[in-house]
Amino acid sequence: MTARAWAGRAGEDYAAKKLEELGYAIVARNYHSRYGEIDIIAENGAYLVFVEVKARKAGSLSSPLEAVTPQKQRRLILTAQAYLAACPSEKQPRFDVAAVTLEGNQVTGWEYVENAFLT
């Protein structure tokens, strides 16, 4: 596993753990469609939450949140639509972003943005 893949997996694992601590129920992880992947799908109250996780090393030139570009948002929306076609839900869909900062093998930062972008 490359260092980048390890960081991504570590960020996703940390985000899933934090979401569960906050009362979210994880429905799926790494959901794939022909359009892309959604890192975490979770339920929280009236919401079905599609979570994009971005992990970066401490001191990186860009913020993890900056990595969710308009193009990435479009792919996430299309993938969420594919998920909802396969697994209909009466819950309100929402797109959140989890930003995880890593230093070595340790998580040193966590930021979570609800309704990170609108559909």
Protein backbone atom coordinates (compact mmCIF):
# COMPACT_ATOMS: atom_id res chain seq x y z
CA MET A 1 0.00 0.00 0.00
CA THR A 2 1.40 3.38 -0.96
CA ALA A 3 1.76 6.17 1.58
CA ARG A 4 -1.02 8.08 -0.15
CA ALA A 5 -3.37 5.08 -0.08
CA TRP A 6 -2.50 4.50 3.57
CA ALA A 7 -3.28 8.14 4.41
CA GLY A 8 -6.61 7.90 2.58
CA ARG A 9 -7.58 4.70 4.40
CA ALA A 10 -6.47 6.12 7.77
CA GLY A 11 -8.50 9.28 7.13
CA GLU A 12 -11.61 7.28 6.19
CA ASP A 13 -11.28 5.00 9.22
CA TYR A 14 -10.90 7.99 11.53
CA ALA A 15 -13.85 9.82 9.96
CA ALA A 16 -16.10 6.74 10.25
CA LYS A 17 -15.16 6.35 13.92
CA LYS A 18 -15.82 10.04 14.66
CA LEU A 19 -19.17 9.92 12.85
CA GLU A 20 -20.26 6.90 14.89
CA GLU A 21 -19.22 8.73 18.07
CA LEU A 22 -21.43 11.63 16.95
CA GLY A 23 -24.41 9.30 16.54
CA TYR A 24 -24.26 8.61 12.82
CA ALA A 25 -25.03 5.09 11.60
CA ILE A 26 -22.64 4.00 8.85
CA VAL A 27 -24.64 2.49 5.99
CA ALA A 28 -21.83 1.89 3.49
CA ARG A 29 -18.18 2.62 2.88
CA ASN A 30 -16.39 3.02 -0.43
CA TYR A 31 -19.55 2.84 -2.54
CA HIS A 32 -18.59 2.67 -6.22
CA SER A 33 -20.55 3.54 -9.31
CA ARG A 34 -19.44 4.17 -12.87
CA TYR A 35 -19.15 7.86 -11.93
CA GLY A 36 -16.85 7.51 -8.95
CA GLU A 37 -16.77 6.61 -5.28
CA ILE A 38 -18.36 7.88 -2.10
CA ASP A 39 -16.17 7.28 0.92
CA ILE A 40 -18.89 7.01 3.57
CA ILE A 41 -22.67 6.86 3.44
CA ALA A 42 -24.32 7.37 6.81
CA GLU A 43 -27.68 8.13 8.38
CA ASN A 44 -28.20 10.87 10.92
CA GLY A 45 -31.75 11.71 11.93
CA ALA A 46 -33.70 12.72 8.85
CA TYR A 47 -30.59 12.74 6.64
CA LEU A 48 -28.84 10.27 4.39
CA VAL A 49 -25.34 11.72 4.41
CA PHE A 50 -22.82 11.24 1.62
CA VAL A 51 -19.40 11.99 3.10
CA GLU A 52 -16.28 12.75 1.11
CA VAL A 53 -13.17 12.25 3.23
CA LYS A 54 -9.97 14.10 2.38
CA ALA A 55 -6.76 13.39 4.27
CA ARG A 56 -3.58 15.45 4.04
CA LYS A 57 -0.24 15.50 5.78
CA ALA A 58 0.31 18.34 8.22
CA GLY A 59 1.94 21.27 6.41
CA SER A 60 0.54 20.40 2.98
CA LEU A 61 0.28 23.27 0.54
CA SER A 62 -3.48 22.90 0.21
CA SER A 63 -6.25 22.26 2.68
CA PRO A 64 -8.08 18.94 2.44
CA LEU A 65 -11.28 20.93 1.92
CA GLU A 66 -9.85 22.58 -1.19
CA ALA A 67 -9.57 19.16 -2.82
CA VAL A 68 -13.34 18.87 -3.24
CA THR A 69 -13.46 20.71 -6.54
CA PRO A 70 -16.61 21.42 -8.57
CA GLN A 71 -15.69 18.46 -10.83
CA LYS A 72 -15.38 16.18 -7.77
CA GLN A 73 -18.72 17.49 -6.48
CA ARG A 74 -20.41 16.59 -9.78
CA ARG A 75 -19.03 13.04 -9.61
CA LEU A 76 -20.19 12.71 -6.00
CA ILE A 77 -23.69 13.87 -6.94
CA LEU A 78 -23.90 11.40 -9.84
CA THR A 79 -22.64 8.58 -7.61
CA ALA A 80 -25.18 9.51 -4.92
CA GLN A 81 -27.94 9.45 -7.53
CA ALA A 82 -26.81 5.96 -8.58
CA TYR A 83 -26.86 4.86 -4.94
CA LEU A 84 -30.37 6.26 -4.42
CA ALA A 85 -31.61 4.54 -7.58
CA ALA A 86 -30.30 1.22 -6.22
CA CYS A 87 -31.23 1.87 -2.56
CA PRO A 88 -34.16 4.30 -2.36
CA SER A 89 -34.49 6.26 0.87
CA GLU A 90 -37.06 8.66 2.23
CA LYS A 91 -34.32 10.51 4.09
CA GLN A 92 -33.10 13.89 2.85
CA PRO A 93 -29.74 13.55 1.07
CA ARG A 94 -26.89 15.75 2.25
CA PHE A 95 -23.27 16.12 1.16
CA ASP A 96 -20.66 16.59 3.88
CA VAL A 97 -16.88 16.74 3.79
CA ALA A 98 -14.52 15.40 6.45
CA ALA A 99 -11.00 16.82 6.46
CA VAL A 100 -8.37 14.82 8.33
CA THR A 101 -4.83 16.05 8.93
CA LEU A 102 -2.13 13.45 9.58
CA GLU A 103 1.35 13.73 11.02
CA GLY A 104 3.19 10.46 10.74
CA ASN A 105 0.77 7.78 11.95
CA GLN A 106 -1.24 10.21 14.09
CA VAL A 107 -4.34 12.23 13.32
CA THR A 108 -3.56 15.82 14.31
CA GLY A 109 -6.61 17.58 12.91
CA TRP A 110 -10.28 16.99 12.13
CA GLU A 111 -12.74 19.32 10.49
CA TYR A 112 -16.26 18.36 9.47
CA VAL A 113 -18.44 20.46 7.18
CA GLU A 114 -22.15 19.68 6.93
CA ASN A 115 -23.88 20.72 3.71
CA ALA A 116 -20.46 21.30 2.18
CA PHE A 117 -22.01 21.89 -1.23
CA LEU A 118 -25.49 22.15 -2.65
CA THR A 119 -26.95 19.94 -5.32
